[in-house]
């Protein structure tokens, strides 16, 4: 299976958002199950409120890597801030997996400020980007859903920029309709076929060129 851009290589400092996000009413939640052929390669559990998306993307790899993220969502469906904590090894429920990195990215106008902690090392970098860029984490369909929602708020625009959390690049996403309830989202050469409802919720999909199927539970 061809690899999409990965998260490794961009990590940073996570601090708690000073707003009572946990106290807000959850507007939507679900689990995406990502399969390559007949093998589950990742699962993503998430919940959404009017101002945040919180979730965990768990990869079925040798190190049981998980990415816990929180997106702060603005009224125009842009994402001014994203925080990600990466852990490895299985989480038993009593002892969490080893923390590998912690990330905080703040978007402002056409730049992204990234604070990165790997082990005991702290690094801060500034990347150029595009206004309204949506953070992109490899295999996160909740973040792809956020891009679809952003497109609808922006008047049905067929282009959404993505900020690649795997390296700091900004890439163009192009959205085209596939019938009344589906769309194609192209990020570079990768084509995502997504089933969506009128509100922009992703109900499932596929990456045809990679034999990847996504089911929402």
N, C-alpha and C. Protein backbone atom coordinates (compact mmCIF):
# COMPACT_ATOMS: atom_id res chain seq x y z
N UNK A 1 0.84 -1.19 0.00
CA UNK A 1 0.00 0.00 0.00
C UNK A 1 0.88 1.24 0.00
N UNK A 2 0.58 2.13 -0.91
CA UNK A 2 1.36 3.35 -0.98
C UNK A 2 1.14 4.19 0.26
N UNK A 3 2.21 4.72 0.84
CA UNK A 3 2.12 5.48 2.07
C UNK A 3 1.72 6.91 1.78
N UNK A 4 0.79 7.44 2.58
CA UNK A 4 0.47 8.84 2.56
C UNK A 4 1.50 9.56 3.42
N UNK A 5 1.56 10.91 3.37
CA UNK A 5 2.47 11.64 4.24
C UNK A 5 2.21 11.28 5.69
N UNK A 6 3.26 10.97 6.47
CA UNK A 6 3.10 10.54 7.85
C UNK A 6 3.37 11.67 8.81
N UNK A 7 3.00 11.44 10.07
CA UNK A 7 3.14 12.46 11.11
C UNK A 7 4.57 12.53 11.63
N UNK A 8 5.34 11.44 11.51
CA UNK A 8 6.69 11.42 12.07
C UNK A 8 7.51 12.53 11.48
N UNK A 9 8.26 13.24 12.31
CA UNK A 9 9.11 14.30 11.83
C UNK A 9 8.58 15.68 12.20
N UNK A 10 7.34 15.79 12.62
CA UNK A 10 6.81 17.06 13.07
C UNK A 10 6.12 16.82 14.40
N UNK A 11 6.72 17.29 15.50
CA UNK A 11 6.15 17.08 16.83
C UNK A 11 6.28 18.35 17.62
N UNK A 12 5.43 18.50 18.66
CA UNK A 12 5.53 19.73 19.41
C UNK A 12 4.80 19.74 20.72
N UNK A 13 4.93 20.89 21.43
CA UNK A 13 4.44 21.04 22.79
C UNK A 13 2.94 21.21 22.84
N UNK A 14 2.27 20.39 23.65
CA UNK A 14 0.83 20.51 23.83
C UNK A 14 0.56 21.15 25.19
N UNK A 15 -0.26 22.18 25.19
CA UNK A 15 -0.75 22.76 26.43
C UNK A 15 -2.26 22.74 26.39
N UNK A 16 -2.87 22.74 27.54
CA UNK A 16 -4.33 22.66 27.59
C UNK A 16 -4.95 23.94 27.06
N UNK A 17 -6.03 23.81 26.30
CA UNK A 17 -6.76 24.97 25.82
C UNK A 17 -7.53 25.56 26.98
N UNK A 18 -7.39 26.85 27.17
CA UNK A 18 -7.98 27.49 28.34
C UNK A 18 -9.45 27.84 28.11
N UNK A 19 -10.22 26.86 27.63
CA UNK A 19 -11.66 27.02 27.48
C UNK A 19 -12.31 25.73 27.93
N UNK A 20 -13.52 25.78 28.44
CA UNK A 20 -14.17 24.58 28.99
C UNK A 20 -14.74 23.69 27.90
N UNK A 21 -13.88 23.18 27.00
CA UNK A 21 -14.35 22.38 25.89
C UNK A 21 -15.05 21.11 26.37
N UNK A 22 -14.52 20.51 27.43
CA UNK A 22 -15.08 19.25 27.90
C UNK A 22 -16.51 19.41 28.40
N UNK A 23 -16.85 20.63 28.81
CA UNK A 23 -18.18 20.86 29.35
C UNK A 23 -19.23 21.09 28.27
N UNK A 24 -18.80 21.24 27.02
CA UNK A 24 -19.73 21.50 25.94
C UNK A 24 -20.46 20.23 25.54
N UNK A 25 -21.65 20.41 24.99
CA UNK A 25 -22.44 19.29 24.55
C UNK A 25 -21.84 18.69 23.28
N UNK A 26 -21.66 17.37 23.27
CA UNK A 26 -21.14 16.70 22.09
C UNK A 26 -22.21 16.69 21.01
N UNK A 27 -21.89 17.27 19.85
CA UNK A 27 -22.85 17.36 18.76
C UNK A 27 -22.81 16.13 17.87
N UNK A 28 -21.69 15.46 17.83
CA UNK A 28 -21.55 14.28 16.97
C UNK A 28 -20.36 13.47 17.46
N UNK A 29 -20.40 12.17 17.20
CA UNK A 29 -19.28 11.31 17.55
C UNK A 29 -19.35 10.06 16.69
N UNK A 30 -18.25 9.33 16.65
CA UNK A 30 -18.24 8.11 15.85
C UNK A 30 -16.88 7.46 15.84
N UNK A 31 -16.78 6.37 15.10
CA UNK A 31 -15.54 5.64 14.93
C UNK A 31 -15.37 5.30 13.46
N UNK A 32 -14.21 5.64 12.91
CA UNK A 32 -13.86 5.22 11.56
C UNK A 32 -12.98 3.98 11.65
N UNK A 33 -13.32 2.95 10.90
CA UNK A 33 -12.50 1.75 10.81
C UNK A 33 -11.89 1.75 9.41
N UNK A 34 -10.55 1.76 9.35
CA UNK A 34 -9.83 1.85 8.08
C UNK A 34 -9.22 0.50 7.76
N UNK A 35 -9.59 -0.07 6.62
CA UNK A 35 -9.14 -1.41 6.24
C UNK A 35 -8.40 -1.37 4.92
N UNK A 36 -7.30 -2.12 4.87
CA UNK A 36 -6.57 -2.34 3.61
C UNK A 36 -6.82 -3.79 3.22
N UNK A 37 -7.49 -3.97 2.07
CA UNK A 37 -8.00 -5.30 1.72
C UNK A 37 -8.91 -5.75 2.86
N UNK A 38 -8.65 -6.86 3.51
CA UNK A 38 -9.50 -7.33 4.60
C UNK A 38 -8.89 -7.11 5.98
N UNK A 39 -7.81 -6.33 6.03
CA UNK A 39 -7.08 -6.13 7.28
C UNK A 39 -7.33 -4.73 7.83
N UNK A 40 -7.73 -4.63 9.09
CA UNK A 40 -7.88 -3.32 9.73
C UNK A 40 -6.51 -2.75 10.04
N UNK A 41 -6.22 -1.58 9.48
CA UNK A 41 -4.91 -0.95 9.67
C UNK A 41 -4.97 0.21 10.65
N UNK A 42 -6.16 0.73 10.93
CA UNK A 42 -6.29 1.84 11.88
C UNK A 42 -7.75 2.00 12.28
N UNK A 43 -7.95 2.58 13.46
CA UNK A 43 -9.28 3.00 13.89
C UNK A 43 -9.16 4.43 14.41
N UNK A 44 -10.23 5.17 14.27
CA UNK A 44 -10.23 6.56 14.73
C UNK A 44 -11.55 6.85 15.45
N UNK A 45 -11.46 7.12 16.75
CA UNK A 45 -12.62 7.50 17.54
C UNK A 45 -12.58 9.01 17.74
N UNK A 46 -13.72 9.66 17.56
CA UNK A 46 -13.73 11.12 17.68
C UNK A 46 -15.07 11.62 18.18
N UNK A 47 -15.06 12.82 18.71
CA UNK A 47 -16.29 13.52 19.10
C UNK A 47 -16.15 14.97 18.69
N UNK A 48 -17.28 15.58 18.38
CA UNK A 48 -17.28 16.94 17.86
C UNK A 48 -18.28 17.80 18.63
N UNK A 49 -17.85 19.03 18.97
CA UNK A 49 -18.76 20.04 19.50
C UNK A 49 -18.74 21.21 18.51
N UNK A 50 -19.43 22.28 18.85
CA UNK A 50 -19.43 23.44 17.96
C UNK A 50 -18.05 24.07 17.84
N UNK A 51 -17.19 23.87 18.84
CA UNK A 51 -15.90 24.57 18.84
C UNK A 51 -14.69 23.65 18.91
N UNK A 52 -14.89 22.33 18.81
CA UNK A 52 -13.74 21.45 18.92
C UNK A 52 -14.00 20.10 18.26
N UNK A 53 -12.92 19.44 17.90
CA UNK A 53 -12.95 18.03 17.51
C UNK A 53 -11.88 17.33 18.32
N UNK A 54 -12.26 16.30 19.06
CA UNK A 54 -11.32 15.57 19.90
C UNK A 54 -11.35 14.10 19.48
N UNK A 55 -10.17 13.51 19.28
CA UNK A 55 -10.17 12.13 18.84
C UNK A 55 -8.84 11.43 19.04
N UNK A 56 -8.86 10.12 18.79
CA UNK A 56 -7.65 9.31 18.86
C UNK A 56 -7.59 8.42 17.63
N UNK A 57 -6.50 8.54 16.89
CA UNK A 57 -6.23 7.69 15.73
C UNK A 57 -5.24 6.62 16.17
N UNK A 58 -5.67 5.36 16.15
CA UNK A 58 -4.84 4.24 16.61
C UNK A 58 -4.42 3.40 15.42
N UNK A 59 -3.10 3.29 15.21
CA UNK A 59 -2.56 2.53 14.08
C UNK A 59 -2.26 1.10 14.51
N UNK A 60 -2.61 0.15 13.66
CA UNK A 60 -2.33 -1.26 13.95
C UNK A 60 -0.97 -1.62 13.39
N UNK A 61 0.07 -1.04 13.99
CA UNK A 61 1.43 -1.34 13.56
C UNK A 61 2.20 -2.03 14.68
N UNK A 62 3.48 -2.29 14.45
CA UNK A 62 4.27 -3.06 15.41
C UNK A 62 4.37 -2.36 16.77
N UNK A 63 4.27 -1.04 16.78
CA UNK A 63 4.42 -0.29 18.02
C UNK A 63 3.09 0.24 18.56
N UNK A 64 1.98 -0.14 17.92
CA UNK A 64 0.66 0.32 18.37
C UNK A 64 0.65 1.83 18.59
N UNK A 65 1.04 2.56 17.55
CA UNK A 65 1.12 4.02 17.64
C UNK A 65 -0.26 4.64 17.70
N UNK A 66 -0.44 5.60 18.60
CA UNK A 66 -1.70 6.33 18.67
C UNK A 66 -1.42 7.83 18.64
N UNK A 67 -2.33 8.56 18.01
CA UNK A 67 -2.27 10.02 17.95
C UNK A 67 -3.54 10.56 18.59
N UNK A 68 -3.42 11.18 19.75
CA UNK A 68 -4.58 11.84 20.35
C UNK A 68 -4.52 13.31 19.98
N UNK A 69 -5.63 13.83 19.43
CA UNK A 69 -5.61 15.20 18.94
C UNK A 69 -6.82 15.98 19.44
N UNK A 70 -6.66 17.30 19.46
CA UNK A 70 -7.76 18.20 19.72
C UNK A 70 -7.65 19.37 18.75
N UNK A 71 -8.71 19.61 18.00
CA UNK A 71 -8.80 20.74 17.09
C UNK A 71 -9.71 21.79 17.69
N UNK A 72 -9.26 23.03 17.74
CA UNK A 72 -10.14 24.14 18.09
C UNK A 72 -10.76 24.64 16.79
N UNK A 73 -12.09 24.70 16.74
CA UNK A 73 -12.80 25.03 15.50
C UNK A 73 -13.45 26.40 15.64
N UNK A 74 -13.19 27.27 14.65
CA UNK A 74 -13.76 28.61 14.63
C UNK A 74 -15.14 28.58 13.96
N UNK A 75 -15.92 29.66 14.08
CA UNK A 75 -17.26 29.69 13.48
C UNK A 75 -17.27 29.47 11.97
N UNK A 76 -16.18 29.83 11.28
CA UNK A 76 -16.12 29.63 9.83
C UNK A 76 -15.53 28.27 9.46
N UNK A 77 -15.44 27.36 10.43
CA UNK A 77 -14.94 25.98 10.25
C UNK A 77 -13.45 25.91 9.98
N UNK A 78 -12.72 27.01 10.16
CA UNK A 78 -11.27 26.93 10.13
C UNK A 78 -10.76 26.39 11.46
N UNK A 79 -9.49 26.03 11.51
CA UNK A 79 -8.89 25.43 12.70
C UNK A 79 -7.72 26.31 13.14
N UNK A 80 -7.91 27.22 14.10
CA UNK A 80 -6.82 28.08 14.53
C UNK A 80 -5.75 27.38 15.35
N UNK A 81 -6.10 26.22 15.94
CA UNK A 81 -5.13 25.53 16.80
C UNK A 81 -5.38 24.04 16.76
N UNK A 82 -4.30 23.25 16.73
CA UNK A 82 -4.40 21.80 16.83
C UNK A 82 -3.32 21.32 17.79
N UNK A 83 -3.67 20.35 18.61
CA UNK A 83 -2.73 19.75 19.56
C UNK A 83 -2.74 18.24 19.37
N UNK A 84 -1.56 17.64 19.35
CA UNK A 84 -1.46 16.19 19.12
C UNK A 84 -0.44 15.59 20.08
N UNK A 85 -0.82 14.47 20.71
CA UNK A 85 0.12 13.69 21.53
C UNK A 85 0.27 12.31 20.90
N UNK A 86 1.51 11.91 20.66
CA UNK A 86 1.79 10.62 20.04
C UNK A 86 2.34 9.67 21.09
N UNK A 87 1.74 8.47 21.16
CA UNK A 87 2.21 7.43 22.08
C UNK A 87 2.45 6.14 21.31
N UNK A 88 3.31 5.30 21.87
CA UNK A 88 3.58 4.00 21.27
C UNK A 88 3.43 2.91 22.32
N UNK A 89 3.18 1.70 21.85
CA UNK A 89 2.93 0.50 22.65
C UNK A 89 1.50 0.53 23.16
N UNK A 90 0.94 -0.63 23.37
CA UNK A 90 -0.48 -0.76 23.69
C UNK A 90 -0.81 -0.06 24.99
N UNK A 91 -1.98 0.57 25.02
CA UNK A 91 -2.51 1.19 26.23
C UNK A 91 -3.40 0.17 26.93
N UNK A 92 -2.96 -0.30 28.10
CA UNK A 92 -3.68 -1.35 28.81
C UNK A 92 -4.92 -0.83 29.53
N UNK A 93 -5.06 0.51 29.59
CA UNK A 93 -6.15 1.09 30.37
C UNK A 93 -5.69 1.47 31.76
N UNK A 94 -4.61 0.85 32.22
CA UNK A 94 -4.05 1.19 33.53
C UNK A 94 -2.74 1.95 33.38
N UNK A 95 -1.93 1.55 32.42
CA UNK A 95 -0.67 2.22 32.15
C UNK A 95 -0.68 2.65 30.70
N UNK A 96 -0.57 3.95 30.46
CA UNK A 96 -0.59 4.46 29.10
C UNK A 96 0.69 4.11 28.38
N UNK A 97 0.60 4.08 27.04
CA UNK A 97 1.79 3.83 26.24
C UNK A 97 2.81 4.94 26.40
N UNK A 98 4.02 4.65 25.99
CA UNK A 98 5.12 5.62 26.12
C UNK A 98 4.87 6.84 25.25
N UNK A 99 4.98 8.02 25.85
CA UNK A 99 4.79 9.26 25.09
C UNK A 99 6.02 9.51 24.23
N UNK A 100 5.79 9.65 22.94
CA UNK A 100 6.87 9.87 21.98
C UNK A 100 7.05 11.35 21.68
N UNK A 101 5.96 12.05 21.49
CA UNK A 101 6.04 13.47 21.13
C UNK A 101 4.74 14.17 21.47
N UNK A 102 4.85 15.48 21.59
CA UNK A 102 3.69 16.31 21.87
C UNK A 102 3.75 17.51 20.93
N UNK A 103 2.59 17.89 20.37
CA UNK A 103 2.59 18.91 19.32
C UNK A 103 1.54 19.98 19.55
N UNK A 104 1.93 21.21 19.28
CA UNK A 104 0.97 22.30 19.28
C UNK A 104 1.25 23.17 18.07
N UNK A 105 0.21 23.38 17.24
CA UNK A 105 0.33 24.21 16.05
C UNK A 105 -0.72 25.31 16.12
N UNK A 106 -0.29 26.56 16.02
CA UNK A 106 -1.20 27.70 16.01
C UNK A 106 -1.16 28.33 14.63
N UNK A 107 -2.35 28.45 14.01
CA UNK A 107 -2.46 29.05 12.69
C UNK A 107 -2.90 30.51 12.83
N UNK A 108 -2.21 31.39 12.10
CA UNK A 108 -2.58 32.80 12.09
C UNK A 108 -2.26 33.36 10.72
N UNK A 109 -3.33 33.85 10.06
CA UNK A 109 -3.19 34.37 8.71
C UNK A 109 -2.53 33.32 7.81
N UNK A 110 -1.32 33.62 7.28
CA UNK A 110 -0.66 32.71 6.36
C UNK A 110 0.57 32.05 6.96
N UNK A 111 0.55 31.82 8.28
CA UNK A 111 1.68 31.16 8.93
C UNK A 111 1.18 30.16 9.96
N UNK A 112 2.06 29.21 10.31
CA UNK A 112 1.76 28.20 11.33
C UNK A 112 2.95 28.13 12.27
N UNK A 113 2.70 28.40 13.56
CA UNK A 113 3.75 28.33 14.58
C UNK A 113 3.68 26.96 15.25
N UNK A 114 4.79 26.24 15.21
CA UNK A 114 4.84 24.87 15.73
C UNK A 114 5.83 24.80 16.88
N UNK A 115 5.35 24.37 18.05
CA UNK A 115 6.21 24.07 19.20
C UNK A 115 6.34 22.57 19.27
N UNK A 116 7.56 22.06 19.34
CA UNK A 116 7.77 20.61 19.28
C UNK A 116 8.59 20.12 20.45
N UNK A 117 8.11 19.04 21.07
CA UNK A 117 8.85 18.36 22.12
C UNK A 117 9.02 16.90 21.71
N UNK A 118 10.29 16.47 21.58
CA UNK A 118 10.61 15.07 21.34
C UNK A 118 11.56 14.66 22.47
N UNK A 119 11.11 13.76 23.32
CA UNK A 119 11.91 13.45 24.50
C UNK A 119 11.99 14.68 25.38
N UNK A 120 13.21 15.15 25.64
CA UNK A 120 13.41 16.34 26.46
C UNK A 120 13.75 17.57 25.64
N UNK A 121 13.76 17.42 24.30
CA UNK A 121 14.15 18.53 23.43
C UNK A 121 12.93 19.33 22.99
N UNK A 122 13.06 20.66 23.01
CA UNK A 122 12.00 21.55 22.57
C UNK A 122 12.46 22.31 21.34
N UNK A 123 11.61 22.36 20.34
CA UNK A 123 11.92 23.08 19.11
C UNK A 123 10.72 23.90 18.69
N UNK A 124 10.95 25.14 18.28
CA UNK A 124 9.89 26.00 17.77
C UNK A 124 10.22 26.42 16.35
N UNK A 125 9.25 26.27 15.46
CA UNK A 125 9.47 26.64 14.06
C UNK A 125 8.23 27.36 13.53
N UNK A 126 8.46 28.21 12.54
CA UNK A 126 7.39 28.91 11.86
C UNK A 126 7.36 28.45 10.40
N UNK A 127 6.19 28.02 9.93
CA UNK A 127 6.02 27.58 8.56
C UNK A 127 5.08 28.53 7.83
N UNK A 128 5.37 28.78 6.57
CA UNK A 128 4.41 29.49 5.74
C UNK A 128 3.29 28.54 5.35
N UNK A 129 2.08 29.07 5.24
CA UNK A 129 0.94 28.25 4.83
C UNK A 129 -0.05 29.14 4.11
N UNK A 130 -1.29 28.69 3.96
CA UNK A 130 -2.34 29.49 3.34
C UNK A 130 -3.43 29.77 4.37
N UNK A 131 -4.06 30.91 4.23
CA UNK A 131 -5.15 31.27 5.12
C UNK A 131 -6.24 30.19 5.07
N UNK A 132 -6.71 29.74 6.22
CA UNK A 132 -7.77 28.75 6.28
C UNK A 132 -7.32 27.32 6.08
N UNK A 133 -6.00 27.05 6.12
CA UNK A 133 -5.52 25.68 5.94
C UNK A 133 -6.03 24.78 7.06
N UNK A 134 -6.44 23.58 6.68
CA UNK A 134 -6.93 22.58 7.63
C UNK A 134 -5.80 21.61 7.94
N UNK A 135 -5.51 21.30 9.20
CA UNK A 135 -4.45 20.34 9.51
C UNK A 135 -4.77 18.96 8.95
N UNK A 136 -3.73 18.28 8.46
CA UNK A 136 -3.89 16.98 7.81
C UNK A 136 -3.00 15.97 8.50
N UNK A 137 -3.61 14.95 9.10
CA UNK A 137 -2.90 13.86 9.75
C UNK A 137 -3.19 12.59 8.97
N UNK A 138 -2.14 11.89 8.60
CA UNK A 138 -2.29 10.69 7.78
C UNK A 138 -3.34 9.73 8.34
N UNK A 139 -4.33 9.40 7.52
CA UNK A 139 -5.41 8.47 7.83
C UNK A 139 -6.45 9.00 8.81
N UNK A 140 -6.45 10.30 9.09
CA UNK A 140 -7.49 10.87 9.94
C UNK A 140 -8.66 11.32 9.07
N UNK A 141 -9.75 10.57 9.11
CA UNK A 141 -10.92 10.93 8.33
C UNK A 141 -11.77 11.98 9.04
N UNK A 142 -11.61 12.13 10.34
CA UNK A 142 -12.28 13.22 11.05
C UNK A 142 -11.72 14.57 10.59
N UNK A 143 -10.42 14.63 10.30
CA UNK A 143 -9.84 15.87 9.80
C UNK A 143 -10.25 16.12 8.35
N UNK A 144 -10.40 15.05 7.57
CA UNK A 144 -10.93 15.22 6.21
C UNK A 144 -12.37 15.74 6.28
N UNK A 145 -13.13 15.24 7.24
CA UNK A 145 -14.49 15.74 7.43
C UNK A 145 -14.48 17.23 7.75
N UNK A 146 -13.51 17.67 8.54
CA UNK A 146 -13.43 19.09 8.86
C UNK A 146 -13.19 19.91 7.60
N UNK A 147 -12.39 19.38 6.67
CA UNK A 147 -12.15 20.08 5.41
C UNK A 147 -13.43 20.17 4.58
N UNK A 148 -14.23 19.10 4.59
CA UNK A 148 -15.50 19.13 3.87
C UNK A 148 -16.43 20.19 4.48
N UNK A 149 -16.47 20.25 5.79
CA UNK A 149 -17.29 21.25 6.47
C UNK A 149 -16.80 22.66 6.15
N UNK A 150 -15.49 22.83 6.11
CA UNK A 150 -14.91 24.13 5.77
C UNK A 150 -15.33 24.54 4.36
N UNK A 151 -15.30 23.59 3.44
CA UNK A 151 -15.71 23.87 2.07
C UNK A 151 -17.16 24.36 2.01
N UNK A 152 -18.05 23.74 2.78
CA UNK A 152 -19.46 24.14 2.77
C UNK A 152 -19.65 25.54 3.36
N UNK A 153 -18.93 25.83 4.45
CA UNK A 153 -19.04 27.16 5.06
C UNK A 153 -18.49 28.22 4.13
N UNK A 154 -17.48 27.86 3.33
CA UNK A 154 -16.86 28.81 2.41
C UNK A 154 -17.63 28.93 1.11
N UNK A 155 -18.91 28.59 1.14
CA UNK A 155 -19.76 28.76 -0.02
C UNK A 155 -19.62 27.67 -1.06
N UNK A 156 -19.24 26.47 -0.61
CA UNK A 156 -19.11 25.36 -1.55
C UNK A 156 -17.86 25.41 -2.38
N UNK A 157 -16.82 26.08 -1.86
CA UNK A 157 -15.55 26.15 -2.58
C UNK A 157 -15.03 24.75 -2.88
N UNK A 158 -14.48 24.55 -4.07
CA UNK A 158 -13.98 23.22 -4.42
C UNK A 158 -12.50 23.05 -4.11
N UNK A 159 -11.90 24.03 -3.42
CA UNK A 159 -10.51 23.91 -3.03
C UNK A 159 -10.34 24.24 -1.55
N UNK A 160 -9.61 23.38 -0.85
CA UNK A 160 -9.29 23.59 0.56
C UNK A 160 -7.81 23.30 0.76
N UNK A 161 -7.03 24.25 1.30
CA UNK A 161 -5.62 23.95 1.57
C UNK A 161 -5.48 23.09 2.82
N UNK A 162 -4.50 22.19 2.80
CA UNK A 162 -4.19 21.33 3.94
C UNK A 162 -2.78 21.62 4.42
N UNK A 163 -2.62 21.72 5.75
CA UNK A 163 -1.29 21.82 6.35
C UNK A 163 -0.88 20.43 6.80
N UNK A 164 0.16 19.90 6.17
CA UNK A 164 0.59 18.54 6.42
C UNK A 164 1.35 18.44 7.74
N UNK A 165 0.74 17.77 8.72
CA UNK A 165 1.38 17.61 10.02
C UNK A 165 2.58 16.67 9.95
N UNK A 166 2.81 16.04 8.81
CA UNK A 166 3.95 15.15 8.65
C UNK A 166 5.19 15.84 8.13
N UNK A 167 5.17 17.16 7.97
CA UNK A 167 6.37 17.81 7.47
C UNK A 167 6.26 19.30 7.33
N UNK A 168 5.07 19.85 7.53
CA UNK A 168 4.92 21.30 7.49
C UNK A 168 4.60 21.88 6.13
N UNK A 169 4.41 21.02 5.11
CA UNK A 169 4.07 21.54 3.80
C UNK A 169 2.58 21.87 3.74
N UNK A 170 2.23 22.80 2.88
CA UNK A 170 0.83 23.08 2.59
C UNK A 170 0.52 22.56 1.20
N UNK A 171 -0.50 21.72 1.11
CA UNK A 171 -0.87 21.11 -0.16
C UNK A 171 -2.32 21.44 -0.48
N UNK A 172 -2.65 21.48 -1.76
CA UNK A 172 -4.00 21.84 -2.18
C UNK A 172 -4.90 20.62 -2.20
N UNK A 173 -6.09 20.76 -1.62
CA UNK A 173 -7.11 19.73 -1.73
C UNK A 173 -8.19 20.20 -2.67
N UNK A 174 -8.59 19.36 -3.60
CA UNK A 174 -9.61 19.72 -4.57
C UNK A 174 -10.81 18.81 -4.40
N UNK A 175 -11.99 19.39 -4.28
CA UNK A 175 -13.22 18.64 -4.05
C UNK A 175 -14.10 18.70 -5.29
N UNK A 176 -14.55 17.53 -5.73
CA UNK A 176 -15.49 17.46 -6.85
C UNK A 176 -16.61 16.49 -6.47
N UNK A 177 -17.81 16.77 -6.97
CA UNK A 177 -18.97 15.96 -6.64
C UNK A 177 -18.92 14.61 -7.36
N UNK A 178 -19.40 13.56 -6.65
CA UNK A 178 -19.58 12.24 -7.24
C UNK A 178 -21.03 11.82 -6.96
N UNK A 179 -21.95 12.35 -7.71
CA UNK A 179 -23.35 12.07 -7.42
C UNK A 179 -23.87 12.98 -6.32
N UNK A 180 -25.06 12.65 -5.81
CA UNK A 180 -25.73 13.51 -4.85
C UNK A 180 -25.25 13.35 -3.42
N UNK A 181 -24.63 12.20 -3.10
CA UNK A 181 -24.25 11.94 -1.72
C UNK A 181 -22.78 11.57 -1.55
N UNK A 182 -21.95 11.85 -2.55
CA UNK A 182 -20.54 11.49 -2.48
C UNK A 182 -19.69 12.57 -3.13
N UNK A 183 -18.42 12.56 -2.77
CA UNK A 183 -17.49 13.50 -3.39
C UNK A 183 -16.12 12.87 -3.49
N UNK A 184 -15.31 13.46 -4.35
CA UNK A 184 -13.91 13.07 -4.48
C UNK A 184 -13.05 14.19 -3.91
N UNK A 185 -12.17 13.84 -2.97
CA UNK A 185 -11.23 14.80 -2.41
C UNK A 185 -9.83 14.38 -2.83
N UNK A 186 -9.20 15.21 -3.64
CA UNK A 186 -7.86 14.92 -4.14
C UNK A 186 -6.85 15.75 -3.36
N UNK A 187 -5.91 15.07 -2.71
CA UNK A 187 -4.80 15.74 -2.02
C UNK A 187 -3.54 15.29 -2.74
N UNK A 188 -2.99 16.16 -3.56
CA UNK A 188 -1.89 15.74 -4.41
C UNK A 188 -2.39 14.68 -5.37
N UNK A 189 -1.70 13.53 -5.39
CA UNK A 189 -2.09 12.44 -6.28
C UNK A 189 -3.03 11.43 -5.60
N UNK A 190 -3.32 11.64 -4.33
CA UNK A 190 -4.17 10.70 -3.60
C UNK A 190 -5.63 11.11 -3.72
N UNK A 191 -6.47 10.17 -4.15
CA UNK A 191 -7.89 10.42 -4.35
C UNK A 191 -8.71 9.73 -3.26
N UNK A 192 -9.47 10.51 -2.49
CA UNK A 192 -10.37 9.97 -1.48
C UNK A 192 -11.80 10.04 -2.03
N UNK A 193 -12.50 8.93 -2.07
CA UNK A 193 -13.92 8.92 -2.38
C UNK A 193 -14.67 8.88 -1.06
N UNK A 194 -15.48 9.90 -0.78
CA UNK A 194 -16.14 10.02 0.51
C UNK A 194 -17.66 10.10 0.34
N UNK A 195 -18.39 9.32 1.14
CA UNK A 195 -19.83 9.47 1.24
C UNK A 195 -20.13 10.49 2.32
N UNK A 196 -20.95 11.48 2.00
CA UNK A 196 -21.24 12.56 2.94
C UNK A 196 -22.74 12.82 3.01
N UNK A 197 -23.17 13.38 4.13
CA UNK A 197 -24.56 13.79 4.24
C UNK A 197 -24.65 15.30 3.99
N UNK A 198 -25.83 15.88 3.94
CA UNK A 198 -25.94 17.31 3.63
C UNK A 198 -25.21 18.23 4.60
N UNK A 199 -24.99 17.78 5.83
CA UNK A 199 -24.28 18.60 6.82
C UNK A 199 -22.78 18.53 6.67
N UNK A 200 -22.29 17.63 5.80
CA UNK A 200 -20.85 17.49 5.62
C UNK A 200 -20.24 16.38 6.44
N UNK A 201 -21.07 15.57 7.11
CA UNK A 201 -20.54 14.43 7.88
C UNK A 201 -20.06 13.35 6.92
N UNK A 202 -18.86 12.84 7.16
CA UNK A 202 -18.34 11.74 6.36
C UNK A 202 -18.90 10.43 6.89
N UNK A 203 -19.59 9.69 6.05
CA UNK A 203 -20.26 8.45 6.45
C UNK A 203 -19.45 7.21 6.10
N UNK A 204 -18.40 7.37 5.33
CA UNK A 204 -17.56 6.26 4.89
C UNK A 204 -16.83 6.67 3.63
N UNK A 205 -16.05 5.75 3.09
CA UNK A 205 -15.34 6.09 1.87
C UNK A 205 -14.28 5.08 1.51
N UNK A 206 -13.39 5.51 0.62
CA UNK A 206 -12.33 4.62 0.15
C UNK A 206 -11.20 5.42 -0.45
N UNK A 207 -10.05 4.75 -0.59
CA UNK A 207 -8.93 5.26 -1.38
C UNK A 207 -8.72 4.21 -2.46
N UNK A 208 -9.37 4.33 -3.61
CA UNK A 208 -9.39 3.25 -4.60
C UNK A 208 -8.02 2.78 -5.04
N UNK A 209 -7.07 3.68 -5.21
CA UNK A 209 -5.76 3.29 -5.71
C UNK A 209 -4.96 2.46 -4.71
N UNK A 210 -5.40 2.47 -3.43
CA UNK A 210 -4.66 1.76 -2.38
C UNK A 210 -5.45 0.59 -1.79
N UNK A 211 -6.62 0.30 -2.37
CA UNK A 211 -7.47 -0.77 -1.84
C UNK A 211 -7.82 -0.55 -0.37
N UNK A 212 -8.04 0.71 -0.02
CA UNK A 212 -8.40 1.08 1.34
C UNK A 212 -9.89 1.41 1.40
N UNK A 213 -10.59 0.85 2.37
CA UNK A 213 -12.01 1.11 2.58
C UNK A 213 -12.20 1.63 3.99
N UNK A 214 -13.05 2.63 4.15
CA UNK A 214 -13.31 3.25 5.45
C UNK A 214 -14.78 3.11 5.78
N UNK A 215 -15.07 2.59 6.97
CA UNK A 215 -16.44 2.40 7.43
C UNK A 215 -16.63 3.22 8.70
N UNK A 216 -17.73 3.98 8.75
CA UNK A 216 -18.03 4.72 9.97
C UNK A 216 -19.02 3.93 10.81
N UNK A 217 -18.69 3.75 12.08
CA UNK A 217 -19.55 3.02 13.00
C UNK A 217 -20.17 3.98 14.00
